[in-house]
């Protein structure tokens, strides 16, 4: 079973000092969840999962539809907004 005594305030502060603000916010949320009873944690996970799925659905709805047809003749290569020969570029060695 999980030993909650491992997560005392001193260790939590040491961990928090080592990470950036975004990670700190996530770690704080995790540490707050650890203090809750398991049924409450499960309910919070369900809510967070539903929010995540909603956000993913919203993002996906803004993506352009996938085109099942690949048309290599419509590929255009540009360098500095000028059209260049894609075949010529593919035969050149990469710039190091």
PDB file of N, CA and C in Angstrom:
ATOM      1  N   UNK A   1       0.843  -1.190   0.000  1.00  0.00           N
ATOM      2  CA  UNK A   1       0.000   0.000   0.000  1.00  0.00           C
ATOM      3  C   UNK A   1       0.884   1.249   0.000  1.00  0.00           C
ATOM      4  N   UNK A   2       0.350   2.326  -0.359  1.00  0.00           N
ATOM      5  CA  UNK A   2       1.040   3.592  -0.478  1.00  0.00           C
ATOM      6  C   UNK A   2       1.342   4.175   0.898  1.00  0.00           C
ATOM      7  N   UNK A   3       2.573   4.572   1.136  1.00  0.00           N
ATOM      8  CA  UNK A   3       2.969   5.147   2.412  1.00  0.00           C
ATOM      9  C   UNK A   3       2.865   6.660   2.339  1.00  0.00           C
ATOM     10  N   UNK A   4       1.792   7.224   2.885  1.00  0.00           N
ATOM     11  CA  UNK A   4       1.564   8.669   2.835  1.00  0.00           C
ATOM     12  C   UNK A   4       2.590   9.456   3.648  1.00  0.00           C
ATOM     13  N   UNK A   5       3.189   8.829   4.648  1.00  0.00           N
ATOM     14  CA  UNK A   5       4.163   9.527   5.483  1.00  0.00           C
ATOM     15  C   UNK A   5       5.391   9.935   4.662  1.00  0.00           C
ATOM     16  N   UNK A   6       5.622   9.248   3.548  1.00  0.00           N
ATOM     17  CA  UNK A   6       6.761   9.562   2.685  1.00  0.00           C
ATOM     18  C   UNK A   6       6.659  10.986   2.151  1.00  0.00           C
ATOM     19  N   UNK A   7       5.457  11.453   1.958  1.00  0.00           N
ATOM     20  CA  UNK A   7       5.233  12.779   1.377  1.00  0.00           C
ATOM     21  C   UNK A   7       5.034  13.820   2.467  1.00  0.00           C
ATOM     22  N   UNK A   8       6.052  14.115   3.212  1.00  0.00           N
ATOM     23  CA  UNK A   8       5.927  15.167   4.217  1.00  0.00           C
ATOM     24  C   UNK A   8       6.256  16.518   3.598  1.00  0.00           C
ATOM     25  N   UNK A   9       6.019  17.571   4.338  1.00  0.00           N
ATOM     26  CA  UNK A   9       6.171  18.924   3.789  1.00  0.00           C
ATOM     27  C   UNK A   9       7.589  19.239   3.334  1.00  0.00           C
ATOM     28  N   UNK A  10       8.594  18.783   4.051  1.00  0.00           N
ATOM     29  CA  UNK A  10       9.970  19.081   3.681  1.00  0.00           C
ATOM     30  C   UNK A  10      10.325  18.480   2.328  1.00  0.00           C
ATOM     31  N   UNK A  11       9.978  17.212   2.148  1.00  0.00           N
ATOM     32  CA  UNK A  11      10.269  16.562   0.875  1.00  0.00           C
ATOM     33  C   UNK A  11       9.461  17.196  -0.246  1.00  0.00           C
ATOM     34  N   UNK A  12       8.235  17.582   0.043  1.00  0.00           N
ATOM     35  CA  UNK A  12       7.393  18.209  -0.968  1.00  0.00           C
ATOM     36  C   UNK A  12       8.001  19.533  -1.403  1.00  0.00           C
ATOM     37  N   UNK A  13       8.499  20.326  -0.474  1.00  0.00           N
ATOM     38  CA  UNK A  13       9.117  21.612  -0.813  1.00  0.00           C
ATOM     39  C   UNK A  13      10.376  21.396  -1.638  1.00  0.00           C
ATOM     40  N   UNK A  14      11.198  20.407  -1.280  1.00  0.00           N
ATOM     41  CA  UNK A  14      12.413  20.131  -2.040  1.00  0.00           C
ATOM     42  C   UNK A  14      12.070  19.759  -3.481  1.00  0.00           C
ATOM     43  N   UNK A  15      11.028  18.969  -3.665  1.00  0.00           N
ATOM     44  CA  UNK A  15      10.605  18.584  -5.003  1.00  0.00           C
ATOM     45  C   UNK A  15      10.106  19.797  -5.760  1.00  0.00           C
ATOM     46  N   UNK A  16       9.299  20.610  -5.119  1.00  0.00           N
ATOM     47  CA  UNK A  16       8.719  21.779  -5.764  1.00  0.00           C
ATOM     48  C   UNK A  16       9.791  22.778  -6.197  1.00  0.00           C
ATOM     49  N   UNK A  17      10.877  22.893  -5.440  1.00  0.00           N
ATOM     50  CA  UNK A  17      11.942  23.831  -5.779  1.00  0.00           C
ATOM     51  C   UNK A  17      12.692  23.425  -7.044  1.00  0.00           C
ATOM     52  N   UNK A  18      12.625  22.152  -7.419  1.00  0.00           N
ATOM     53  CA  UNK A  18      13.409  21.636  -8.538  1.00  0.00           C
ATOM     54  C   UNK A  18      12.703  21.731  -9.882  1.00  0.00           C
ATOM     55  N   UNK A  19      11.446  22.082  -9.903  1.00  0.00           N
ATOM     56  CA  UNK A  19      10.702  22.047 -11.160  1.00  0.00           C
ATOM     57  C   UNK A  19      10.151  23.424 -11.521  1.00  0.00           C
ATOM     58  N   UNK A  20       9.793  23.579 -12.783  1.00  0.00           N
ATOM     59  CA  UNK A  20       9.247  24.864 -13.212  1.00  0.00           C
ATOM     60  C   UNK A  20       7.813  25.032 -12.726  1.00  0.00           C
ATOM     61  N   UNK A  21       7.240  26.214 -12.927  1.00  0.00           N
ATOM     62  CA  UNK A  21       5.927  26.542 -12.377  1.00  0.00           C
ATOM     63  C   UNK A  21       4.834  25.598 -12.868  1.00  0.00           C
ATOM     64  N   UNK A  22       4.820  25.271 -14.148  1.00  0.00           N
ATOM     65  CA  UNK A  22       3.769  24.392 -14.677  1.00  0.00           C
ATOM     66  C   UNK A  22       3.831  23.037 -13.993  1.00  0.00           C
ATOM     67  N   UNK A  23       5.019  22.480 -13.910  1.00  0.00           N
ATOM     68  CA  UNK A  23       5.166  21.177 -13.238  1.00  0.00           C
ATOM     69  C   UNK A  23       4.832  21.306 -11.759  1.00  0.00           C
ATOM     70  N   UNK A  24       5.203  22.438 -11.158  1.00  0.00           N
ATOM     71  CA  UNK A  24       4.882  22.654  -9.736  1.00  0.00           C
ATOM     72  C   UNK A  24       3.378  22.619  -9.523  1.00  0.00           C
ATOM     73  N   UNK A  25       2.637  23.259 -10.431  1.00  0.00           N
ATOM     74  CA  UNK A  25       1.174  23.267 -10.315  1.00  0.00           C
ATOM     75  C   UNK A  25       0.617  21.849 -10.398  1.00  0.00           C
ATOM     76  N   UNK A  26       1.157  21.044 -11.325  1.00  0.00           N
ATOM     77  CA  UNK A  26       0.703  19.661 -11.438  1.00  0.00           C
ATOM     78  C   UNK A  26       1.060  18.853 -10.189  1.00  0.00           C
ATOM     79  N   UNK A  27       2.286  19.042  -9.712  1.00  0.00           N
ATOM     80  CA  UNK A  27       2.697  18.311  -8.510  1.00  0.00           C
ATOM     81  C   UNK A  27       1.853  18.703  -7.301  1.00  0.00           C
ATOM     82  N   UNK A  28       1.520  19.984  -7.201  1.00  0.00           N
ATOM     83  CA  UNK A  28       0.673  20.433  -6.095  1.00  0.00           C
ATOM     84  C   UNK A  28      -0.691  19.747  -6.168  1.00  0.00           C
ATOM     85  N   UNK A  29      -1.247  19.687  -7.373  1.00  0.00           N
ATOM     86  CA  UNK A  29      -2.543  19.020  -7.543  1.00  0.00           C
ATOM     87  C   UNK A  29      -2.453  17.543  -7.166  1.00  0.00           C
ATOM     88  N   UNK A  30      -1.379  16.880  -7.574  1.00  0.00           N
ATOM     89  CA  UNK A  30      -1.188  15.470  -7.230  1.00  0.00           C
ATOM     90  C   UNK A  30      -1.071  15.308  -5.723  1.00  0.00           C
ATOM     91  N   UNK A  31      -0.278  16.173  -5.095  1.00  0.00           N
ATOM     92  CA  UNK A  31      -0.109  16.080  -3.641  1.00  0.00           C
ATOM     93  C   UNK A  31      -1.412  16.380  -2.906  1.00  0.00           C
ATOM     94  N   UNK A  32      -2.220  17.298  -3.440  1.00  0.00           N
ATOM     95  CA  UNK A  32      -3.535  17.560  -2.839  1.00  0.00           C
ATOM     96  C   UNK A  32      -4.437  16.340  -2.985  1.00  0.00           C
ATOM     97  N   UNK A  33      -4.358  15.667  -4.131  1.00  0.00           N
ATOM     98  CA  UNK A  33      -5.188  14.479  -4.357  1.00  0.00           C
ATOM     99  C   UNK A  33      -4.803  13.337  -3.414  1.00  0.00           C
ATOM    100  N   UNK A  34      -3.516  13.220  -3.120  1.00  0.00           N
ATOM    101  CA  UNK A  34      -3.035  12.147  -2.235  1.00  0.00           C
ATOM    102  C   UNK A  34      -3.706  12.229  -0.868  1.00  0.00           C
ATOM    103  N   UNK A  35      -4.027  13.439  -0.457  1.00  0.00           N
ATOM    104  CA  UNK A  35      -4.618  13.645   0.866  1.00  0.00           C
ATOM    105  C   UNK A  35      -6.094  13.266   0.916  1.00  0.00           C
ATOM    106  N   UNK A  36      -6.714  13.064  -0.243  1.00  0.00           N
ATOM    107  CA  UNK A  36      -8.138  12.743  -0.292  1.00  0.00           C
ATOM    108  C   UNK A  36      -8.362  11.247  -0.160  1.00  0.00           C
ATOM    109  N   UNK A  37      -9.574  10.882   0.221  1.00  0.00           N
ATOM    110  CA  UNK A  37      -9.948   9.468   0.271  1.00  0.00           C
ATOM    111  C   UNK A  37     -10.040   8.925  -1.154  1.00  0.00           C
ATOM    112  N   UNK A  38      -9.864   7.621  -1.300  1.00  0.00           N
ATOM    113  CA  UNK A  38      -9.862   6.994  -2.619  1.00  0.00           C
ATOM    114  C   UNK A  38     -11.145   7.256  -3.423  1.00  0.00           C
ATOM    115  N   UNK A  39     -12.347   7.138  -2.840  1.00  0.00           N
ATOM    116  CA  UNK A  39     -13.554   7.414  -3.638  1.00  0.00           C
ATOM    117  C   UNK A  39     -13.576   8.849  -4.181  1.00  0.00           C
ATOM    118  N   UNK A  40     -13.099   9.805  -3.400  1.00  0.00           N
ATOM    119  CA  UNK A  40     -13.056  11.190  -3.856  1.00  0.00           C
ATOM    120  C   UNK A  40     -12.019  11.358  -4.968  1.00  0.00           C
ATOM    121  N   UNK A  41     -10.883  10.660  -4.838  1.00  0.00           N
ATOM    122  CA  UNK A  41      -9.869  10.700  -5.890  1.00  0.00           C
ATOM    123  C   UNK A  41     -10.425  10.131  -7.192  1.00  0.00           C
ATOM    124  N   UNK A  42     -11.143   9.028  -7.103  1.00  0.00           N
ATOM    125  CA  UNK A  42     -11.715   8.409  -8.298  1.00  0.00           C
ATOM    126  C   UNK A  42     -12.722   9.334  -8.976  1.00  0.00           C
ATOM    127  N   UNK A  43     -13.534  10.001  -8.180  1.00  0.00           N
ATOM    128  CA  UNK A  43     -14.503  10.945  -8.745  1.00  0.00           C
ATOM    129  C   UNK A  43     -13.782  12.097  -9.449  1.00  0.00           C
ATOM    130  N   UNK A  44     -12.711  12.601  -8.837  1.00  0.00           N
ATOM    131  CA  UNK A  44     -11.926  13.672  -9.445  1.00  0.00           C
ATOM    132  C   UNK A  44     -11.271  13.208 -10.752  1.00  0.00           C
ATOM    133  N   UNK A  45     -10.823  11.952 -10.780  1.00  0.00           N
ATOM    134  CA  UNK A  45     -10.213  11.408 -11.994  1.00  0.00           C
ATOM    135  C   UNK A  45     -11.253  11.312 -13.106  1.00  0.00           C
ATOM    136  N   UNK A  46     -12.462  10.891 -12.767  1.00  0.00           N
ATOM    137  CA  UNK A  46     -13.525  10.821 -13.775  1.00  0.00           C
ATOM    138  C   UNK A  46     -13.808  12.203 -14.356  1.00  0.00           C
ATOM    139  N   UNK A  47     -13.885  13.200 -13.491  1.00  0.00           N
ATOM    140  CA  UNK A  47     -14.163  14.567 -13.953  1.00  0.00           C
ATOM    141  C   UNK A  47     -13.015  15.072 -14.829  1.00  0.00           C
ATOM    142  N   UNK A  48     -11.784  14.859 -14.380  1.00  0.00           N
ATOM    143  CA  UNK A  48     -10.619  15.300 -15.159  1.00  0.00           C
ATOM    144  C   UNK A  48     -10.566  14.582 -16.508  1.00  0.00           C
ATOM    145  N   UNK A  49     -10.879  13.294 -16.517  1.00  0.00           N
ATOM    146  CA  UNK A  49     -10.897  12.535 -17.773  1.00  0.00           C
ATOM    147  C   UNK A  49     -11.937  13.077 -18.732  1.00  0.00           C
ATOM    148  N   UNK A  50     -13.115  13.394 -18.207  1.00  0.00           N
ATOM    149  CA  UNK A  50     -14.177  13.955 -19.054  1.00  0.00           C
ATOM    150  C   UNK A  50     -13.759  15.315 -19.609  1.00  0.00           C
ATOM    151  N   UNK A  51     -13.111  16.135 -18.782  1.00  0.00           N
ATOM    152  CA  UNK A  51     -12.629  17.444 -19.251  1.00  0.00           C
ATOM    153  C   UNK A  51     -11.563  17.276 -20.333  1.00  0.00           C
ATOM    154  N   UNK A  52     -10.661  16.309 -20.137  1.00  0.00           N
ATOM    155  CA  UNK A  52      -9.618  16.048 -21.125  1.00  0.00           C
ATOM    156  C   UNK A  52     -10.233  15.602 -22.448  1.00  0.00           C
ATOM    157  N   UNK A  53     -11.176  14.678 -22.388  1.00  0.00           N
ATOM    158  CA  UNK A  53     -11.814  14.205 -23.612  1.00  0.00           C
ATOM    159  C   UNK A  53     -12.567  15.333 -24.318  1.00  0.00           C
ATOM    160  N   UNK A  54     -13.224  16.185 -23.546  1.00  0.00           N
ATOM    161  CA  UNK A  54     -13.913  17.335 -24.132  1.00  0.00           C
ATOM    162  C   UNK A  54     -12.949  18.269 -24.833  1.00  0.00           C
ATOM    163  N   UNK A  55     -11.797  18.522 -24.202  1.00  0.00           N
ATOM    164  CA  UNK A  55     -10.789  19.400 -24.806  1.00  0.00           C
ATOM    165  C   UNK A  55     -10.217  18.775 -26.076  1.00  0.00           C
ATOM    166  N   UNK A  56      -9.974  17.460 -26.050  1.00  0.00           N
ATOM    167  CA  UNK A  56      -9.465  16.782 -27.244  1.00  0.00           C
ATOM    168  C   UNK A  56     -10.487  16.820 -28.374  1.00  0.00           C
ATOM    169  N   UNK A  57     -11.767  16.583 -28.051  1.00  0.00           N
ATOM    170  CA  UNK A  57     -12.820  16.659 -29.069  1.00  0.00           C
ATOM    171  C   UNK A  57     -12.855  18.043 -29.705  1.00  0.00           C
ATOM    172  N   UNK A  58     -12.727  19.074 -28.883  1.00  0.00           N
ATOM    173  CA  UNK A  58     -12.754  20.444 -29.401  1.00  0.00           C
ATOM    174  C   UNK A  58     -11.564  20.700 -30.324  1.00  0.00           C
ATOM    175  N   UNK A  59     -10.375  20.243 -29.907  1.00  0.00           N
ATOM    176  CA  UNK A  59      -9.183  20.413 -30.739  1.00  0.00           C
ATOM    177  C   UNK A  59      -9.330  19.664 -32.057  1.00  0.00           C
ATOM    178  N   UNK A  60      -9.816  18.433 -31.983  1.00  0.00           N
ATOM    179  CA  UNK A  60      -9.961  17.603 -33.181  1.00  0.00           C
ATOM    180  C   UNK A  60     -10.956  18.231 -34.146  1.00  0.00           C
ATOM    181  N   UNK A  61     -12.011  18.841 -33.609  1.00  0.00           N
ATOM    182  CA  UNK A  61     -13.023  19.442 -34.482  1.00  0.00           C
ATOM    183  C   UNK A  61     -12.467  20.623 -35.280  1.00  0.00           C
ATOM    184  N   UNK A  62     -11.369  21.215 -34.830  1.00  0.00           N
ATOM    185  CA  UNK A  62     -10.763  22.338 -35.543  1.00  0.00           C
ATOM    186  C   UNK A  62      -9.705  21.908 -36.555  1.00  0.00           C
ATOM    187  N   UNK A  63      -9.380  20.626 -36.582  1.00  0.00           N
ATOM    188  CA  UNK A  63      -8.387  20.139 -37.541  1.00  0.00           C
ATOM    189  C   UNK A  63      -9.025  20.003 -38.913  1.00  0.00           C
ATOM    190  N   UNK A  64      -8.257  20.254 -39.959  1.00  0.00           N
ATOM    191  CA  UNK A  64      -8.819  20.066 -41.301  1.00  0.00           C
ATOM    192  C   UNK A  64      -9.046  18.579 -41.562  1.00  0.00           C
ATOM    193  N   UNK A  65     -10.028  18.255 -42.387  1.00  0.00           N
ATOM    194  CA  UNK A  65     -10.279  16.840 -42.674  1.00  0.00           C
ATOM    195  C   UNK A  65      -9.099  16.217 -43.409  1.00  0.00           C
ATOM    196  N   UNK A  66      -8.882  14.940 -43.146  1.00  0.00           N
ATOM    197  CA  UNK A  66      -7.810  14.221 -43.824  1.00  0.00           C
ATOM    198  C   UNK A  66      -8.260  13.866 -45.235  1.00  0.00           C
ATOM    199  N   UNK A  67      -7.374  14.050 -46.178  1.00  0.00           N
ATOM    200  CA  UNK A  67      -7.672  13.694 -47.557  1.00  0.00           C
ATOM    201  C   UNK A  67      -7.080  12.313 -47.807  1.00  0.00           C
ATOM    202  N   UNK A  68      -7.915  11.381 -48.219  1.00  0.00           N
ATOM    203  CA  UNK A  68      -7.451  10.008 -48.433  1.00  0.00           C
ATOM    204  C   UNK A  68      -6.578   9.865 -49.677  1.00  0.00           C
ATOM    205  N   UNK A  69      -6.630  10.840 -50.565  1.00  0.00           N
ATOM    206  CA  UNK A  69      -5.858  10.760 -51.797  1.00  0.00           C
ATOM    207  C   UNK A  69      -4.535  11.499 -51.633  1.00  0.00           C
ATOM    208  N   UNK A  70      -3.468  10.797 -51.925  1.00  0.00           N
ATOM    209  CA  UNK A  70      -2.154  11.440 -51.933  1.00  0.00           C
ATOM    210  C   UNK A  70      -1.823  11.773 -53.379  1.00  0.00           C
ATOM    211  N   UNK A  71      -1.590  13.039 -53.642  1.00  0.00           N
ATOM    212  CA  UNK A  71      -1.290  13.485 -54.992  1.00  0.00           C
ATOM    213  C   UNK A  71       0.107  14.101 -55.011  1.00  0.00           C
ATOM    214  N   UNK A  72       1.116  13.299 -55.367  1.00  0.00           N
ATOM    215  CA  UNK A  72       2.493  13.801 -55.331  1.00  0.00           C
ATOM    216  C   UNK A  72       2.734  14.981 -56.262  1.00  0.00           C
ATOM    217  N   UNK A  73       1.902  15.117 -57.310  1.00  0.00           N
ATOM    218  CA  UNK A  73       2.085  16.235 -58.237  1.00  0.00           C
ATOM    219  C   UNK A  73       1.739  17.575 -57.600  1.00  0.00           C
ATOM    220  N   UNK A  74       1.011  17.539 -56.493  1.00  0.00           N
ATOM    221  CA  UNK A  74       0.600  18.781 -55.844  1.00  0.00           C
ATOM    222  C   UNK A  74       1.558  19.220 -54.737  1.00  0.00           C
ATOM    223  N   UNK A  75       2.642  18.497 -54.564  1.00  0.00           N
ATOM    224  CA  UNK A  75       3.627  18.878 -53.557  1.00  0.00           C
ATOM    225  C   UNK A  75       4.451  20.044 -54.093  1.00  0.00           C
ATOM    226  N   UNK A  76       4.580  21.068 -53.291  1.00  0.00           N
ATOM    227  CA  UNK A  76       5.333  22.261 -53.685  1.00  0.00           C
ATOM    228  C   UNK A  76       6.404  22.501 -52.630  1.00  0.00           C
ATOM    229  N   UNK A  77       7.608  22.734 -53.088  1.00  0.00           N
ATOM    230  CA  UNK A  77       8.711  23.046 -52.185  1.00  0.00           C
ATOM    231  C   UNK A  77       9.025  24.535 -52.284  1.00  0.00           C
ATOM    232  N   UNK A  78       9.164  25.155 -51.131  1.00  0.00           N
ATOM    233  CA  UNK A  78       9.466  26.586 -51.081  1.00  0.00           C
ATOM    234  C   UNK A  78      10.658  26.828 -50.168  1.00  0.00           C
ATOM    235  N   UNK A  79      11.475  27.752 -50.574  1.00  0.00           N
ATOM    236  CA  UNK A  79      12.553  28.252 -49.709  1.00  0.00           C
ATOM    237  C   UNK A  79      12.447  29.762 -49.744  1.00  0.00           C
ATOM    238  N   UNK A  80      12.313  30.364 -48.599  1.00  0.00           N
ATOM    239  CA  UNK A  80      12.151  31.818 -48.499  1.00  0.00           C
ATOM    240  C   UNK A  80      11.030  32.308 -49.415  1.00  0.00           C
ATOM    241  N   UNK A  81       9.909  31.607 -49.384  1.00  0.00           N
ATOM    242  CA  UNK A  81       8.707  31.947 -50.156  1.00  0.00           C
ATOM    243  C   UNK A  81       8.903  31.901 -51.670  1.00  0.00           C
ATOM    244  N   UNK A  82       9.944  31.205 -52.133  1.00  0.00           N
ATOM    245  CA  UNK A  82      10.156  31.034 -53.574  1.00  0.00           C
ATOM    246  C   UNK A  82      10.062  29.555 -53.902  1.00  0.00           C
ATOM    247  N   UNK A  83       9.299  29.243 -54.947  1.00  0.00           N
ATOM    248  CA  UNK A  83       9.135  27.865 -55.359  1.00  0.00           C
ATOM    249  C   UNK A  83      10.461  27.321 -55.882  1.00  0.00           C
ATOM    250  N   UNK A  84      10.822  26.114 -55.444  1.00  0.00           N
ATOM    251  CA  UNK A  84      12.051  25.465 -55.897  1.00  0.00           C
ATOM    252  C   UNK A  84      11.725  24.045 -56.339  1.00  0.00           C
ATOM    253  N   UNK A  85      12.657  23.435 -57.045  1.00  0.00           N
ATOM    254  CA  UNK A  85      12.473  22.079 -57.555  1.00  0.00           C
ATOM    255  C   UNK A  85      12.668  21.077 -56.410  1.00  0.00           C
ATOM    256  N   UNK A  86      11.603  20.360 -56.080  1.00  0.00           N
ATOM    257  CA  UNK A  86      11.660  19.392 -54.973  1.00  0.00           C
ATOM    258  C   UNK A  86      12.636  18.255 -55.273  1.00  0.00           C
ATOM    259  N   UNK A  87      12.676  17.809 -56.518  1.00  0.00           N
ATOM    260  CA  UNK A  87      13.585  16.727 -56.904  1.00  0.00           C
ATOM    261  C   UNK A  87      15.034  17.140 -56.699  1.00  0.00           C
ATOM    262  N   UNK A  88      15.347  18.360 -57.079  1.00  0.00           N
ATOM    263  CA  UNK A  88      16.705  18.871 -56.926  1.00  0.00           C
ATOM    264  C   UNK A  88      17.071  18.910 -55.443  1.00  0.00           C
ATOM    265  N   UNK A  89      16.119  19.347 -54.610  1.00  0.00           N
ATOM    266  CA  UNK A  89      16.388  19.400 -53.165  1.00  0.00           C
ATOM    267  C   UNK A  89      16.591  18.015 -52.561  1.00  0.00           C
ATOM    268  N   UNK A  90      15.831  17.037 -53.026  1.00  0.00           N
ATOM    269  CA  UNK A  90      15.924  15.703 -52.438  1.00  0.00           C
ATOM    270  C   UNK A  90      17.253  15.032 -52.772  1.00  0.00           C
ATOM    271  N   UNK A  91      17.925  15.461 -53.823  1.00  0.00           N
ATOM    272  CA  UNK A  91      19.211  14.868 -54.214  1.00  0.00           C
ATOM    273  C   UNK A  91      20.405  15.559 -53.578  1.00  0.00           C
ATOM    274  N   UNK A  92      20.182  16.676 -52.897  1.00  0.00           N
ATOM    275  CA  UNK A  92      21.282  17.403 -52.274  1.00  0.00           C
ATOM    276  C   UNK A  92      21.551  16.839 -50.894  1.00  0.00           C
ATOM    277  N   UNK A  93      22.807  16.928 -50.472  1.00  0.00           N
ATOM    278  CA  UNK A  93      23.145  16.498 -49.119  1.00  0.00           C
ATOM    279  C   UNK A  93      22.704  17.593 -48.135  1.00  0.00           C
ATOM    280  N   UNK A  94      22.332  17.190 -46.945  1.00  0.00           N
ATOM    281  CA  UNK A  94      21.876  18.201 -45.970  1.00  0.00           C
ATOM    282  C   UNK A  94      23.004  19.148 -45.568  1.00  0.00           C
ATOM    283  N   UNK A  95      22.627  20.371 -45.274  1.00  0.00           N
ATOM    284  CA  UNK A  95      23.592  21.378 -44.825  1.00  0.00           C
ATOM    285  C   UNK A  95      23.972  21.061 -43.381  1.00  0.00           C
ATOM    286  N   UNK A  96      25.229  21.049 -43.107  1.00  0.00           N
ATOM    287  CA  UNK A  96      25.668  20.738 -41.739  1.00  0.00           C
ATOM    288  C   UNK A  96      26.109  21.978 -41.033  1.00  0.00           C
TER     289      UNK A  96
END
